[in-house]
Amino acid sequence: YVSRKHPDEGMRRHSWMTRNLVPAWFSNDNVHPSGDHVPYLANRFERTALREESGTLPLVPFVRVPYYIFLGRKSSGTTTGS
């Protein structure tokens, strides 16, 4: 997860280096962090909790990468798409 350049109010804003270097690093393994993940979940589900943190990478001791934990539930107005 990386934030958008201009995240919604209350969301964490990652630095230019994080927003650009983390996706480049992970794309080598066909993993594509996006600033659209959390906004999509927040739009699709009723948020009960959101935690934005950063953690270390194995074998790269001084680099921290962002991640999130999103807990939500289906709102009564949400329908399953086809």
Protein backbone atom coordinates (compact mmCIF):
# COMPACT_ATOMS: atom_id res chain seq x y z
CA TYR A 1 0.00 0.00 0.00
CA VAL A 2 1.12 3.50 -0.83
CA SER A 3 -0.96 6.60 -0.32
CA ARG A 4 -2.26 8.85 -3.05
CA LYS A 5 -0.39 12.08 -3.64
CA HIS A 6 -3.36 13.92 -2.08
CA PRO A 7 -5.05 11.41 0.25
CA ASP A 8 -8.48 11.90 1.79
CA GLU A 9 -8.66 13.77 5.07
CA GLY A 10 -7.45 11.69 7.99
CA MET A 11 -5.41 9.34 5.80
CA ARG A 12 -1.64 9.09 5.97
CA ARG A 13 0.35 10.81 3.22
CA HIS A 14 3.53 8.99 2.25
CA SER A 15 6.60 10.80 0.98
CA TRP A 16 7.46 11.10 -2.71
CA MET A 17 10.19 8.48 -2.26
CA THR A 18 7.79 5.99 -0.66
CA ARG A 19 5.07 6.57 -3.27
CA ASN A 20 7.52 6.00 -6.12
CA LEU A 21 10.23 3.63 -4.89
CA VAL A 22 8.06 1.09 -3.05
CA PRO A 23 5.94 0.30 -6.17
CA ALA A 24 9.10 0.12 -8.30
CA TRP A 25 10.75 -2.29 -5.83
CA PHE A 26 7.73 -4.59 -5.51
CA SER A 27 6.95 -4.57 -9.23
CA ASN A 28 10.04 -6.77 -9.70
CA ASP A 29 7.96 -9.52 -8.05
CA ASN A 30 4.72 -8.60 -9.88
CA VAL A 31 3.29 -6.95 -6.76
CA HIS A 32 1.71 -3.57 -7.46
CA PRO A 33 0.97 -1.40 -4.39
CA SER A 34 -1.62 1.24 -5.17
CA GLY A 35 -3.03 4.36 -3.61
CA ASP A 36 -6.48 3.21 -4.69
CA HIS A 37 -6.77 0.16 -2.41
CA VAL A 38 -7.87 1.86 0.81
CA PRO A 39 -10.22 4.40 -0.86
CA TYR A 40 -11.88 1.53 -2.77
CA LEU A 41 -12.45 -0.46 0.42
CA ALA A 42 -13.69 2.63 2.28
CA ASN A 43 -16.14 3.33 -0.55
CA ARG A 44 -17.33 -0.27 -0.84
CA PHE A 45 -17.67 -1.17 2.84
CA GLU A 46 -18.63 0.48 6.10
CA ARG A 47 -15.31 0.97 7.84
CA THR A 48 -15.08 -0.30 11.40
CA ALA A 49 -11.30 0.14 11.74
CA LEU A 50 -8.34 1.27 9.68
CA ARG A 51 -4.74 1.09 10.78
CA GLU A 52 -1.91 2.45 8.65
CA GLU A 53 1.56 1.34 9.73
CA SER A 54 4.99 0.60 8.32
CA GLY A 55 7.12 -2.49 8.73
CA THR A 56 10.54 -3.81 7.83
CA LEU A 57 11.45 -6.03 4.92
CA PRO A 58 13.26 -9.31 5.45
CA LEU A 59 16.99 -8.97 4.70
CA VAL A 60 16.67 -5.18 4.25
CA PRO A 61 17.07 -3.93 7.82
CA PHE A 62 16.78 -0.14 7.40
CA VAL A 63 13.91 0.03 4.92
CA ARG A 64 10.34 0.35 6.17
CA VAL A 65 7.37 -0.12 3.86
CA PRO A 66 3.78 0.96 4.49
CA TYR A 67 0.89 -1.43 4.99
CA TYR A 68 -2.67 -1.18 6.20
CA ILE A 69 -5.23 -3.24 8.08
CA PHE A 70 -8.81 -2.51 7.06
CA LEU A 71 -11.79 -3.94 8.88
CA GLY A 72 -15.18 -3.30 7.40
CA ARG A 73 -18.60 -4.74 6.94
CA LYS A 74 -21.08 -4.75 4.15
CA SER A 75 -23.37 -1.80 4.48
CA SER A 76 -27.09 -2.37 3.98
CA GLY A 77 -26.98 -0.47 0.67
CA THR A 78 -24.12 -2.54 -0.79
CA THR A 79 -25.04 -5.12 -3.38
CA THR A 80 -22.85 -7.81 -4.80
CA GLY A 81 -21.92 -7.15 -8.39
CA SER A 82 -21.95 -9.58 -11.24
